[in-house]
Amino acid sequence: MIDLRSDTVTRPSKAMLEAMFSAPVGDDVFGDDPTINALETKAATITGKEAALFCPSGTMANQIAINVHTRPGDEVICHRHAHIYYYEGGAIMRNSGASVCLLEGDRGLITAEDVEGHINPENDVHRPLTTLVEVENTMNKGGGACYALKELTAIAEVCRKHRLKYHLDGARLFNALAVTGEKITDYTSLFDSVSICLSKGLGAPVGSVLLGDKSFILRARRVRKAFGGAMRQAGYLAAAGIYALDHNIERLVEDHRRARQLGELLSEMKYVERVLPFETNIVIFELRKELPAMQFLDLLKTYDIHALAMGTNTIRFVTHLDYTEEMLTRTLEVLQGLKP
């Protein structure tokens, strides 16, 4: 089976499993799971943040941040395709009672100018109080698009000017860094809070880390408890995250190379109308109007290749550490031979 549905489909390697099975554990609710403590310290050190919190999922990490940064009736500014709004089950409204201001932007990327133009006046009681700006890097529905550090810095300046909090959904931040070559602290230093996923490109089976200053993480820990996210002997899972941070960051460039080869071939296929620019490990392409996405996916399944529809005529491929060179060769052969 060739699985291009997501980079969340990976399975722990033998070495990662050995690290998990040998991990010392305790009760994290009491704060004495040494492996979780080690992961949180490592993540904070890598990102230059004061503290970190291990969470079961990226959705929980993001939603905890939103809950800490807002009060019911406040407003969050984000792109209309942002994961926190589009793919997290309405959790902004369900869990925090916050409203959203949804911006447009090429490939899911918003600008400082647009953010500033959508901040509600504090003295206008008819409109929600703007308190939080969120960006996603890389941008999932934008085909793995990467923010320019200059633009993120400009948005940070707008946030400081208007006393707004600034959150980064950095689920695939390491993918962005593999493209830009910049230091992670150049990015994370701009934000009040950052979430980083361990179970996407980095290959851990479970988990994300939420990062911020000590005061923020103390409040975040309380919210995690209220959301049902407090775990006990979860050091077995944290060990996978430590292994991922130690061993699976540099190899992300291989995922990007394979995605690039897929994107280049798809750009030449007559059944493809358009391919979004591909920078990282995500390739999104539009089929001809007369070719429905589900029909194309069913055709791929006959070759045991699996992917996801992102719209009526839109398909997403995501490369990952379990997508091998042999699988790439086979996929390219199939795509080149298709006559849908």
C-alpha atoms as a PDB file:
ATOM      1  CA  MET A   1       0.000   0.000   0.000  1.00  0.00           C
ATOM      2  CA  ILE A   2       1.221   3.486  -0.936  1.00  0.00           C
ATOM      3  CA  ASP A   3      -0.342   5.981   1.475  1.00  0.00           C
ATOM      4  CA  LEU A   4      -0.208   9.649   0.493  1.00  0.00           C
ATOM      5  CA  ARG A   5      -3.234  10.721   2.545  1.00  0.00           C
ATOM      6  CA  SER A   6      -1.188  12.484   5.220  1.00  0.00           C
ATOM      7  CA  ASP A   7       2.120  12.513   7.069  1.00  0.00           C
ATOM      8  CA  THR A   8       0.154  11.349  10.119  1.00  0.00           C
ATOM      9  CA  VAL A   9      -0.024   7.776   8.769  1.00  0.00           C
ATOM     10  CA  THR A  10       3.567   6.912   9.703  1.00  0.00           C
ATOM     11  CA  ARG A  11       4.366   4.129  12.139  1.00  0.00           C
ATOM     12  CA  PRO A  12       7.147   4.120  14.736  1.00  0.00           C
ATOM     13  CA  SER A  13      10.427   2.678  13.531  1.00  0.00           C
ATOM     14  CA  LYS A  14      12.094  -0.146  15.428  1.00  0.00           C
ATOM     15  CA  ALA A  15      14.494   2.325  17.024  1.00  0.00           C
ATOM     16  CA  MET A  16      11.642   4.625  18.073  1.00  0.00           C
ATOM     17  CA  LEU A  17       9.746   1.686  19.576  1.00  0.00           C
ATOM     18  CA  GLU A  18      12.830   0.642  21.526  1.00  0.00           C
ATOM     19  CA  ALA A  19      13.111   4.172  22.907  1.00  0.00           C
ATOM     20  CA  MET A  20       9.445   4.051  23.908  1.00  0.00           C
ATOM     21  CA  PHE A  21       9.629   0.636  25.578  1.00  0.00           C
ATOM     22  CA  SER A  22      12.709   1.584  27.586  1.00  0.00           C
ATOM     23  CA  ALA A  23      11.443   4.986  28.739  1.00  0.00           C
ATOM     24  CA  PRO A  24      11.285   5.660  32.483  1.00  0.00           C
ATOM     25  CA  VAL A  25       7.796   6.864  33.424  1.00  0.00           C
ATOM     26  CA  GLY A  26       5.892   8.331  36.331  1.00  0.00           C
ATOM     27  CA  ASP A  27       2.616  10.156  36.869  1.00  0.00           C
ATOM     28  CA  ASP A  28       2.585  13.315  34.780  1.00  0.00           C
ATOM     29  CA  VAL A  29      -0.410  14.785  36.607  1.00  0.00           C
ATOM     30  CA  PHE A  30       1.831  14.847  39.674  1.00  0.00           C
ATOM     31  CA  GLY A  31       4.633  16.200  37.495  1.00  0.00           C
ATOM     32  CA  ASP A  32       6.933  13.221  38.038  1.00  0.00           C
ATOM     33  CA  ASP A  33       7.082  11.513  34.645  1.00  0.00           C
ATOM     34  CA  PRO A  34      10.770  12.014  33.835  1.00  0.00           C
ATOM     35  CA  THR A  35      10.401  11.372  30.115  1.00  0.00           C
ATOM     36  CA  ILE A  36       7.614  13.905  29.675  1.00  0.00           C
ATOM     37  CA  ASN A  37       9.647  16.401  31.692  1.00  0.00           C
ATOM     38  CA  ALA A  38      12.647  15.703  29.444  1.00  0.00           C
ATOM     39  CA  LEU A  39      10.579  16.214  26.276  1.00  0.00           C
ATOM     40  CA  GLU A  40       9.131  19.482  27.528  1.00  0.00           C
ATOM     41  CA  THR A  41      12.586  20.741  28.506  1.00  0.00           C
ATOM     42  CA  LYS A  42      14.051  19.715  25.153  1.00  0.00           C
ATOM     43  CA  ALA A  43      11.243  21.363  23.175  1.00  0.00           C
ATOM     44  CA  ALA A  44      11.518  24.585  25.173  1.00  0.00           C
ATOM     45  CA  THR A  45      15.300  24.651  24.723  1.00  0.00           C
ATOM     46  CA  ILE A  46      15.144  24.018  20.966  1.00  0.00           C
ATOM     47  CA  THR A  47      12.563  26.742  20.424  1.00  0.00           C
ATOM     48  CA  GLY A  48      13.979  29.271  22.870  1.00  0.00           C
ATOM     49  CA  LYS A  49      10.791  29.342  24.929  1.00  0.00           C
ATOM     50  CA  GLU A  50      10.640  29.282  28.724  1.00  0.00           C
ATOM     51  CA  ALA A  51       8.386  26.249  29.044  1.00  0.00           C
ATOM     52  CA  ALA A  52       6.458  23.577  27.160  1.00  0.00           C
ATOM     53  CA  LEU A  53       3.412  21.363  27.637  1.00  0.00           C
ATOM     54  CA  PHE A  54       3.000  17.896  26.111  1.00  0.00           C
ATOM     55  CA  CYS A  55      -0.471  17.496  24.578  1.00  0.00           C
ATOM     56  CA  PRO A  56      -2.221  14.500  22.990  1.00  0.00           C
ATOM     57  CA  SER A  57      -2.814  16.337  19.702  1.00  0.00           C
ATOM     58  CA  GLY A  58      -2.130  19.478  17.725  1.00  0.00           C
ATOM     59  CA  THR A  59      -5.810  20.371  17.894  1.00  0.00           C
ATOM     60  CA  MET A  60      -5.714  20.314  21.685  1.00  0.00           C
ATOM     61  CA  ALA A  61      -2.493  22.347  21.770  1.00  0.00           C
ATOM     62  CA  ASN A  62      -3.975  25.008  19.501  1.00  0.00           C
ATOM     63  CA  GLN A  63      -7.290  25.128  21.340  1.00  0.00           C
ATOM     64  CA  ILE A  64      -5.600  25.397  24.735  1.00  0.00           C
ATOM     65  CA  ALA A  65      -3.659  28.398  23.440  1.00  0.00           C
ATOM     66  CA  ILE A  66      -6.836  30.037  22.148  1.00  0.00           C
ATOM     67  CA  ASN A  67      -8.589  29.413  25.474  1.00  0.00           C
ATOM     68  CA  VAL A  68      -5.745  30.980  27.440  1.00  0.00           C
ATOM     69  CA  HIS A  69      -5.450  34.002  25.154  1.00  0.00           C
ATOM     70  CA  THR A  70      -9.168  34.837  24.838  1.00  0.00           C
ATOM     71  CA  ARG A  71     -12.356  35.306  26.847  1.00  0.00           C
ATOM     72  CA  PRO A  72     -15.855  34.397  25.657  1.00  0.00           C
ATOM     73  CA  GLY A  73     -16.984  36.923  23.071  1.00  0.00           C
ATOM     74  CA  ASP A  74     -13.457  37.859  21.969  1.00  0.00           C
ATOM     75  CA  GLU A  75     -12.379  37.528  18.347  1.00  0.00           C
ATOM     76  CA  VAL A  76      -9.545  35.561  16.729  1.00  0.00           C
ATOM     77  CA  ILE A  77      -8.094  36.736  13.414  1.00  0.00           C
ATOM     78  CA  CYS A  78      -6.921  33.932  11.112  1.00  0.00           C
ATOM     79  CA  HIS A  79      -7.096  32.803   7.500  1.00  0.00           C
ATOM     80  CA  ARG A  80     -10.400  31.275   6.421  1.00  0.00           C
ATOM     81  CA  HIS A  81      -8.612  27.988   5.734  1.00  0.00           C
ATOM     82  CA  ALA A  82      -6.647  27.949   8.990  1.00  0.00           C
ATOM     83  CA  HIS A  83      -6.536  24.543  10.659  1.00  0.00           C
ATOM     84  CA  ILE A  84      -7.818  26.022  13.951  1.00  0.00           C
ATOM     85  CA  TYR A  85     -11.021  27.063  12.175  1.00  0.00           C
ATOM     86  CA  TYR A  86     -11.416  24.667   9.243  1.00  0.00           C
ATOM     87  CA  TYR A  87     -10.278  21.353  10.707  1.00  0.00           C
ATOM     88  CA  GLU A  88     -10.779  21.476  14.474  1.00  0.00           C
ATOM     89  CA  GLY A  89     -14.472  20.739  14.794  1.00  0.00           C
ATOM     90  CA  GLY A  90     -15.667  24.228  15.663  1.00  0.00           C
ATOM     91  CA  ALA A  91     -13.576  24.099  18.821  1.00  0.00           C
ATOM     92  CA  ILE A  92     -12.894  27.847  18.935  1.00  0.00           C
ATOM     93  CA  MET A  93     -16.590  28.468  19.492  1.00  0.00           C
ATOM     94  CA  ARG A  94     -17.342  25.234  21.357  1.00  0.00           C
ATOM     95  CA  ASN A  95     -14.518  25.424  23.885  1.00  0.00           C
ATOM     96  CA  SER A  96     -13.712  29.119  24.210  1.00  0.00           C
ATOM     97  CA  GLY A  97     -16.851  30.942  23.087  1.00  0.00           C
ATOM     98  CA  ALA A  98     -14.741  33.111  20.806  1.00  0.00           C
ATOM     99  CA  SER A  99     -15.654  34.563  17.454  1.00  0.00           C
ATOM    100  CA  VAL A 100     -13.455  34.497  14.338  1.00  0.00           C
ATOM    101  CA  CYS A 101     -12.505  37.048  11.716  1.00  0.00           C
ATOM    102  CA  LEU A 102     -11.610  35.067   8.606  1.00  0.00           C
ATOM    103  CA  LEU A 103      -9.146  36.627   6.174  1.00  0.00           C
ATOM    104  CA  GLU A 104      -8.364  35.832   2.556  1.00  0.00           C
ATOM    105  CA  GLY A 105      -4.796  35.360   1.372  1.00  0.00           C
ATOM    106  CA  ASP A 106      -2.837  33.624  -1.357  1.00  0.00           C
ATOM    107  CA  ARG A 107      -2.287  29.948  -0.472  1.00  0.00           C
ATOM    108  CA  GLY A 108      -3.577  30.563   3.043  1.00  0.00           C
ATOM    109  CA  LEU A 109      -1.033  33.225   3.967  1.00  0.00           C
ATOM    110  CA  ILE A 110      -2.229  36.469   5.565  1.00  0.00           C
ATOM    111  CA  THR A 111      -0.446  39.826   5.695  1.00  0.00           C
ATOM    112  CA  ALA A 112       0.247  42.421   8.362  1.00  0.00           C
ATOM    113  CA  GLU A 113      -1.692  45.005   6.363  1.00  0.00           C
ATOM    114  CA  ASP A 114      -4.763  42.787   6.223  1.00  0.00           C
ATOM    115  CA  VAL A 115      -4.535  41.951   9.928  1.00  0.00           C
ATOM    116  CA  GLU A 116      -4.346  45.617  10.903  1.00  0.00           C
ATOM    117  CA  GLY A 117      -7.308  46.408   8.682  1.00  0.00           C
ATOM    118  CA  HIS A 118      -9.499  43.891  10.522  1.00  0.00           C
ATOM    119  CA  ILE A 119      -8.799  44.765  14.158  1.00  0.00           C
ATOM    120  CA  ASN A 120     -12.016  45.941  15.799  1.00  0.00           C
ATOM    121  CA  PRO A 121     -11.920  49.233  17.744  1.00  0.00           C
ATOM    122  CA  GLU A 122     -11.788  48.618  21.498  1.00  0.00           C
ATOM    123  CA  ASN A 123     -14.540  51.175  22.150  1.00  0.00           C
ATOM    124  CA  ASP A 124     -17.001  49.658  19.648  1.00  0.00           C
ATOM    125  CA  VAL A 125     -19.336  47.632  21.871  1.00  0.00           C
ATOM    126  CA  HIS A 126     -21.243  46.334  18.851  1.00  0.00           C
ATOM    127  CA  ARG A 127     -18.332  44.199  17.681  1.00  0.00           C
ATOM    128  CA  PRO A 128     -16.262  41.486  19.338  1.00  0.00           C
ATOM    129  CA  LEU A 129     -12.997  42.502  20.970  1.00  0.00           C
ATOM    130  CA  THR A 130     -10.014  41.448  18.864  1.00  0.00           C
ATOM    131  CA  THR A 131      -7.524  39.742  21.168  1.00  0.00           C
ATOM    132  CA  LEU A 132      -5.630  37.090  19.164  1.00  0.00           C
ATOM    133  CA  VAL A 133      -4.000  36.672  15.757  1.00  0.00           C
ATOM    134  CA  GLU A 134      -3.132  33.173  14.523  1.00  0.00           C
ATOM    135  CA  VAL A 135      -1.005  31.999  11.605  1.00  0.00           C
ATOM    136  CA  GLU A 136      -0.189  28.497  10.348  1.00  0.00           C
ATOM    137  CA  ASN A 137       3.279  27.598   9.066  1.00  0.00           C
ATOM    138  CA  THR A 138       3.409  25.619   6.859  1.00  0.00           C
ATOM    139  CA  MET A 139      -0.105  26.217   5.564  1.00  0.00           C
ATOM    140  CA  ASN A 140      -1.847  22.881   5.002  1.00  0.00           C
ATOM    141  CA  LYS A 141      -4.588  23.954   2.597  1.00  0.00           C
ATOM    142  CA  GLY A 142      -2.125  26.235   0.846  1.00  0.00           C
ATOM    143  CA  GLY A 143      -0.142  23.226  -0.321  1.00  0.00           C
ATOM    144  CA  GLY A 144       2.465  23.419   2.425  1.00  0.00           C
ATOM    145  CA  ALA A 145       3.143  27.104   1.765  1.00  0.00           C
ATOM    146  CA  CYS A 146       5.794  28.760   3.933  1.00  0.00           C
ATOM    147  CA  TYR A 147       5.552  32.213   5.478  1.00  0.00           C
ATOM    148  CA  ALA A 148       8.373  34.657   4.873  1.00  0.00           C
ATOM    149  CA  LEU A 149       9.988  35.599   8.184  1.00  0.00           C
ATOM    150  CA  LYS A 150       9.709  39.266   7.176  1.00  0.00           C
ATOM    151  CA  GLU A 151       5.898  39.003   6.967  1.00  0.00           C
ATOM    152  CA  LEU A 152       5.600  37.153  10.270  1.00  0.00           C
ATOM    153  CA  THR A 153       7.722  39.869  11.862  1.00  0.00           C
ATOM    154  CA  ALA A 154       5.484  42.561  10.407  1.00  0.00           C
ATOM    155  CA  ILE A 155       2.384  40.815  11.804  1.00  0.00           C
ATOM    156  CA  ALA A 156       4.116  40.575  15.197  1.00  0.00           C
ATOM    157  CA  GLU A 157       4.678  44.341  15.144  1.00  0.00           C
ATOM    158  CA  VAL A 158       0.976  44.910  14.445  1.00  0.00           C
ATOM    159  CA  CYS A 159       0.086  42.634  17.356  1.00  0.00           C
ATOM    160  CA  ARG A 160       2.389  44.504  19.742  1.00  0.00           C
ATOM    161  CA  LYS A 161       1.049  47.858  18.555  1.00  0.00           C
ATOM    162  CA  HIS A 162      -2.532  46.803  19.302  1.00  0.00           C
ATOM    163  CA  ARG A 163      -1.735  44.694  22.403  1.00  0.00           C
ATOM    164  CA  LEU A 164      -2.888  41.451  20.737  1.00  0.00           C
ATOM    165  CA  LYS A 165      -1.651  37.959  21.459  1.00  0.00           C
ATOM    166  CA  TYR A 166       0.032  36.080  18.611  1.00  0.00           C
ATOM    167  CA  HIS A 167      -0.147  32.281  18.181  1.00  0.00           C
ATOM    168  CA  LEU A 168       1.693  30.071  15.707  1.00  0.00           C
ATOM    169  CA  ASP A 169       0.202  26.770  14.626  1.00  0.00           C
ATOM    170  CA  GLY A 170       3.598  25.340  13.757  1.00  0.00           C
ATOM    171  CA  ALA A 171       2.421  21.782  13.191  1.00  0.00           C
ATOM    172  CA  ARG A 172       4.844  21.565  10.249  1.00  0.00           C
ATOM    173  CA  LEU A 173       7.231  24.350  11.299  1.00  0.00           C
ATOM    174  CA  PHE A 174      10.267  22.110  10.832  1.00  0.00           C
ATOM    175  CA  ASN A 175       9.190  21.569   7.225  1.00  0.00           C
ATOM    176  CA  ALA A 176       9.246  25.331   6.711  1.00  0.00           C
ATOM    177  CA  LEU A 177      12.693  25.590   8.292  1.00  0.00           C
ATOM    178  CA  ALA A 178      13.991  22.861   5.989  1.00  0.00           C
ATOM    179  CA  VAL A 179      13.097  25.179   3.100  1.00  0.00           C
ATOM    180  CA  THR A 180      14.208  28.542   4.475  1.00  0.00           C
ATOM    181  CA  GLY A 181      17.308  27.359   6.330  1.00  0.00           C
ATOM    182  CA  GLU A 182      16.588  29.865   9.077  1.00  0.00           C
ATOM    183  CA  LYS A 183      16.831  29.246  12.815  1.00  0.00           C
ATOM    184  CA  ILE A 184      13.729  28.103  14.651  1.00  0.00           C
ATOM    185  CA  THR A 185      14.194  30.789  17.297  1.00  0.00           C
ATOM    186  CA  ASP A 186      13.955  33.474  14.601  1.00  0.00           C
ATOM    187  CA  TYR A 187      10.338  32.344  14.227  1.00  0.00           C
ATOM    188  CA  THR A 188       9.322  31.281  17.714  1.00  0.00           C
ATOM    189  CA  SER A 189      10.615  34.466  19.346  1.00  0.00           C
ATOM    190  CA  LEU A 190       7.894  36.416  17.529  1.00  0.00           C
ATOM    191  CA  PHE A 191       5.000  34.557  19.159  1.00  0.00           C
ATOM    192  CA  ASP A 192       3.313  34.444  22.546  1.00  0.00           C
ATOM    193  CA  SER A 193       2.593  30.755  21.987  1.00  0.00           C
ATOM    194  CA  VAL A 194       3.609  28.057  19.519  1.00  0.00           C
ATOM    195  CA  SER A 195       2.321  24.544  18.881  1.00  0.00           C
ATOM    196  CA  ILE A 196       4.525  21.956  17.177  1.00  0.00           C
ATOM    197  CA  CYS A 197       3.288  18.541  16.061  1.00  0.00           C
ATOM    198  CA  LEU A 198       5.424  15.475  16.705  1.00  0.00           C
ATOM    199  CA  SER A 199       3.172  13.042  14.825  1.00  0.00           C
ATOM    200  CA  LYS A 200       3.255  14.548  11.337  1.00  0.00           C
ATOM    201  CA  GLY A 201       6.547  14.831   9.477  1.00  0.00           C
ATOM    202  CA  LEU A 202       8.565  13.903  12.555  1.00  0.00           C
ATOM    203  CA  GLY A 203       6.937  10.470  12.717  1.00  0.00           C
ATOM    204  CA  ALA A 204       5.911  10.072  16.363  1.00  0.00           C
ATOM    205  CA  PRO A 205       2.678   8.108  16.880  1.00  0.00           C
ATOM    206  CA  VAL A 206       1.009  10.720  19.111  1.00  0.00           C
ATOM    207  CA  GLY A 207       1.476  14.185  20.451  1.00  0.00           C
ATOM    208  CA  SER A 208       2.224  17.879  20.100  1.00  0.00           C
ATOM    209  CA  VAL A 209       3.985  20.374  22.323  1.00  0.00           C
ATOM    210  CA  LEU A 210       2.643  23.789  23.252  1.00  0.00           C
ATOM    211  CA  LEU A 211       5.259  26.431  24.042  1.00  0.00           C
ATOM    212  CA  GLY A 212       5.300  29.816  25.721  1.00  0.00           C
ATOM    213  CA  ASP A 213       6.518  31.599  28.828  1.00  0.00           C
ATOM    214  CA  LYS A 214       6.160  30.001  32.244  1.00  0.00           C
ATOM    215  CA  SER A 215       3.032  31.960  33.139  1.00  0.00           C
ATOM    216  CA  PHE A 216       1.315  30.952  29.900  1.00  0.00           C
ATOM    217  CA  ILE A 217       2.208  27.265  30.295  1.00  0.00           C
ATOM    218  CA  LEU A 218       0.966  27.248  33.904  1.00  0.00           C
ATOM    219  CA  ARG A 219      -2.425  28.477  32.683  1.00  0.00           C
ATOM    220  CA  ALA A 220      -2.274  26.117  29.710  1.00  0.00           C
ATOM    221  CA  ARG A 221      -1.726  23.161  32.034  1.00  0.00           C
ATOM    222  CA  ARG A 222      -4.912  24.071  33.900  1.00  0.00           C
ATOM    223  CA  VAL A 223      -6.852  24.278  30.611  1.00  0.00           C
ATOM    224  CA  ARG A 224      -5.419  20.955  29.441  1.00  0.00           C
ATOM    225  CA  LYS A 225      -6.791  19.386  32.623  1.00  0.00           C
ATOM    226  CA  ALA A 226     -10.218  20.923  31.996  1.00  0.00           C
ATOM    227  CA  PHE A 227     -10.164  19.659  28.388  1.00  0.00           C
ATOM    228  CA  GLY A 228      -9.433  16.132  29.608  1.00  0.00           C
ATOM    229  CA  GLY A 229      -5.885  16.119  28.282  1.00  0.00           C
ATOM    230  CA  ALA A 230      -3.965  15.362  31.473  1.00  0.00           C
ATOM    231  CA  MET A 231      -2.158  12.026  31.125  1.00  0.00           C
ATOM    232  CA  ARG A 232      -0.489   9.676  33.557  1.00  0.00           C
ATOM    233  CA  GLN A 233       2.352   7.396  32.405  1.00  0.00           C
ATOM    234  CA  ALA A 234       2.506   9.056  28.994  1.00  0.00           C
ATOM    235  CA  GLY A 235       6.295   9.066  29.028  1.00  0.00           C
ATOM    236  CA  TYR A 236       6.136   6.131  26.629  1.00  0.00           C
ATOM    237  CA  LEU A 237       4.606   8.537  24.110  1.00  0.00           C
ATOM    238  CA  ALA A 238       6.928  11.400  25.038  1.00  0.00           C
ATOM    239  CA  ALA A 239       9.912   9.132  24.364  1.00  0.00           C
ATOM    240  CA  ALA A 240       8.770   8.859  20.757  1.00  0.00           C
ATOM    241  CA  GLY A 241       8.662  12.649  20.601  1.00  0.00           C
ATOM    242  CA  ILE A 242      12.216  12.926  21.951  1.00  0.00           C
ATOM    243  CA  TYR A 243      13.390  10.375  19.387  1.00  0.00           C
ATOM    244  CA  ALA A 244      11.602  12.300  16.622  1.00  0.00           C
ATOM    245  CA  LEU A 245      13.269  15.583  17.585  1.00  0.00           C
ATOM    246  CA  ASP A 246      16.667  13.902  17.768  1.00  0.00           C
ATOM    247  CA  HIS A 247      16.498  11.874  14.544  1.00  0.00           C
ATOM    248  CA  ASN A 248      13.736  12.951  12.159  1.00  0.00           C
ATOM    249  CA  ILE A 249      14.212  16.665  11.508  1.00  0.00           C
ATOM    250  CA  GLU A 250      17.119  16.693   9.052  1.00  0.00           C
ATOM    251  CA  ARG A 251      15.563  13.980   6.905  1.00  0.00           C
ATOM    252  CA  LEU A 252      12.524  16.173   6.077  1.00  0.00           C
ATOM    253  CA  VAL A 253      14.369  17.380   2.980  1.00  0.00           C
ATOM    254  CA  GLU A 254      13.882  13.880   1.525  1.00  0.00           C
ATOM    255  CA  ASP A 255      10.108  14.226   1.862  1.00  0.00           C
ATOM    256  CA  HIS A 256      10.335  17.583   0.111  1.00  0.00           C
ATOM    257  CA  ARG A 257      12.397  16.172  -2.750  1.00  0.00           C
ATOM    258  CA  ARG A 258       9.893  13.389  -3.336  1.00  0.00           C
ATOM    259  CA  ALA A 259       6.986  15.828  -3.209  1.00  0.00           C
ATOM    260  CA  ARG A 260       8.770  18.024  -5.727  1.00  0.00           C
ATOM    261  CA  GLN A 261       9.167  15.091  -8.121  1.00  0.00           C
ATOM    262  CA  LEU A 262       5.464  14.307  -7.813  1.00  0.00           C
ATOM    263  CA  GLY A 263       4.531  17.942  -8.396  1.00  0.00           C
ATOM    264  CA  GLU A 264       6.782  18.277 -11.432  1.00  0.00           C
ATOM    265  CA  LEU A 265       5.311  15.189 -13.072  1.00  0.00           C
ATOM    266  CA  LEU A 266       1.713  16.168 -12.281  1.00  0.00           C
ATOM    267  CA  SER A 267       2.342  19.572 -13.891  1.00  0.00           C
ATOM    268  CA  GLU A 268       2.924  17.746 -17.176  1.00  0.00           C
ATOM    269  CA  MET A 269      -0.135  15.474 -17.056  1.00  0.00           C
ATOM    270  CA  LYS A 270      -3.051  16.309 -19.352  1.00  0.00           C
ATOM    271  CA  TYR A 271      -5.636  15.252 -16.741  1.00  0.00           C
ATOM    272  CA  VAL A 272      -4.309  17.912 -14.350  1.00  0.00           C
ATOM    273  CA  GLU A 273      -5.608  21.464 -14.685  1.00  0.00           C
ATOM    274  CA  ARG A 274      -3.271  23.110 -12.196  1.00  0.00           C
ATOM    275  CA  VAL A 275      -0.754  22.293  -9.487  1.00  0.00           C
ATOM    276  CA  LEU A 276      -0.322  24.660  -6.551  1.00  0.00           C
ATOM    277  CA  PRO A 277       3.267  25.777  -5.945  1.00  0.00           C
ATOM    278  CA  PHE A 278       4.984  23.031  -3.956  1.00  0.00           C
ATOM    279  CA  GLU A 279       7.569  23.998  -1.350  1.00  0.00           C
ATOM    280  CA  THR A 280       7.505  21.280   1.269  1.00  0.00           C
ATOM    281  CA  ASN A 281       5.916  17.827   1.581  1.00  0.00           C
ATOM    282  CA  ILE A 282       2.398  18.679   0.360  1.00  0.00           C
ATOM    283  CA  VAL A 283       1.281  18.658  -3.272  1.00  0.00           C
ATOM    284  CA  ILE A 284      -2.230  19.920  -4.078  1.00  0.00           C
ATOM    285  CA  PHE A 285      -3.474  19.690  -7.644  1.00  0.00           C
ATOM    286  CA  GLU A 286      -6.688  20.385  -9.497  1.00  0.00           C
ATOM    287  CA  LEU A 287      -8.014  17.907 -12.045  1.00  0.00           C
ATOM    288  CA  ARG A 288      -9.809  18.829 -15.241  1.00  0.00           C
ATOM    289  CA  LYS A 289     -13.354  19.983 -14.490  1.00  0.00           C
ATOM    290  CA  GLU A 290     -14.890  16.892 -16.065  1.00  0.00           C
ATOM    291  CA  LEU A 291     -12.801  14.587 -13.839  1.00  0.00           C
ATOM    292  CA  PRO A 292     -14.216  14.349 -10.267  1.00  0.00           C
ATOM    293  CA  ALA A 293     -11.728  13.901  -7.459  1.00  0.00           C
ATOM    294  CA  MET A 294     -13.456  10.788  -6.101  1.00  0.00           C
ATOM    295  CA  GLN A 295     -13.314   9.110  -9.506  1.00  0.00           C
ATOM    296  CA  PHE A 296      -9.590   9.813  -9.698  1.00  0.00           C
ATOM    297  CA  LEU A 297      -9.027   8.520  -6.165  1.00  0.00           C
ATOM    298  CA  ASP A 298     -10.916   5.322  -6.976  1.00  0.00           C
ATOM    299  CA  LEU A 299      -8.667   4.861 -10.002  1.00  0.00           C
ATOM    300  CA  LEU A 300      -5.554   5.308  -7.849  1.00  0.00           C
ATOM    301  CA  LYS A 301      -6.892   2.733  -5.379  1.00  0.00           C
ATOM    302  CA  THR A 302      -6.833   0.081  -8.116  1.00  0.00           C
ATOM    303  CA  TYR A 303      -3.043   0.515  -7.953  1.00  0.00           C
ATOM    304  CA  ASP A 304      -3.141   0.524  -4.123  1.00  0.00           C
ATOM    305  CA  ILE A 305      -2.253   4.220  -4.006  1.00  0.00           C
ATOM    306  CA  HIS A 306      -4.297   6.240  -1.506  1.00  0.00           C
ATOM    307  CA  ALA A 307      -4.761  10.018  -1.263  1.00  0.00           C
ATOM    308  CA  LEU A 308      -7.333  12.592  -0.116  1.00  0.00           C
ATOM    309  CA  ALA A 309      -9.761  14.881  -1.915  1.00  0.00           C
ATOM    310  CA  MET A 310      -9.542  18.558  -0.954  1.00  0.00           C
ATOM    311  CA  GLY A 311     -12.532  19.597  -3.054  1.00  0.00           C
ATOM    312  CA  THR A 312     -14.697  18.498  -5.954  1.00  0.00           C
ATOM    313  CA  ASN A 313     -11.761  18.366  -8.359  1.00  0.00           C
ATOM    314  CA  THR A 314      -8.817  18.784  -5.998  1.00  0.00           C
ATOM    315  CA  ILE A 315      -6.419  16.123  -4.676  1.00  0.00           C
ATOM    316  CA  ARG A 316      -3.728  16.278  -1.974  1.00  0.00           C
ATOM    317  CA  PHE A 317      -0.585  14.144  -1.804  1.00  0.00           C
ATOM    318  CA  VAL A 318       1.564  14.271   1.348  1.00  0.00           C
ATOM    319  CA  THR A 319       4.989  12.626   1.487  1.00  0.00           C
ATOM    320  CA  HIS A 320       6.473  11.324   4.732  1.00  0.00           C
ATOM    321  CA  LEU A 321       9.147   9.100   6.234  1.00  0.00           C
ATOM    322  CA  ASP A 322       7.257   5.888   5.402  1.00  0.00           C
ATOM    323  CA  TYR A 323       6.944   6.923   1.747  1.00  0.00           C
ATOM    324  CA  THR A 324      10.027   5.282   0.292  1.00  0.00           C
ATOM    325  CA  GLU A 325      12.010   5.791  -2.878  1.00  0.00           C
ATOM    326  CA  GLU A 326      10.507   2.605  -4.274  1.00  0.00           C
ATOM    327  CA  MET A 327       7.019   3.930  -3.568  1.00  0.00           C
ATOM    328  CA  LEU A 328       7.900   7.194  -5.289  1.00  0.00           C
ATOM    329  CA  THR A 329       9.097   5.353  -8.382  1.00  0.00           C
ATOM    330  CA  ARG A 330       5.920   3.278  -8.468  1.00  0.00           C
ATOM    331  CA  THR A 331       3.692   6.348  -8.005  1.00  0.00           C
ATOM    332  CA  LEU A 332       5.426   8.225 -10.797  1.00  0.00           C
ATOM    333  CA  GLU A 333       5.007   5.253 -13.118  1.00  0.00           C
ATOM    334  CA  VAL A 334       1.294   4.985 -12.324  1.00  0.00           C
ATOM    335  CA  LEU A 335       0.621   8.712 -12.670  1.00  0.00           C
ATOM    336  CA  GLN A 336       2.454   8.844 -15.974  1.00  0.00           C
ATOM    337  CA  GLY A 337       0.490   5.880 -17.336  1.00  0.00           C
ATOM    338  CA  LEU A 338      -2.982   6.992 -16.234  1.00  0.00           C
ATOM    339  CA  LYS A 339      -5.564   7.832 -18.888  1.00  0.00           C
ATOM    340  CA  PRO A 340      -8.659   8.773 -16.875  1.00  0.00           C
END
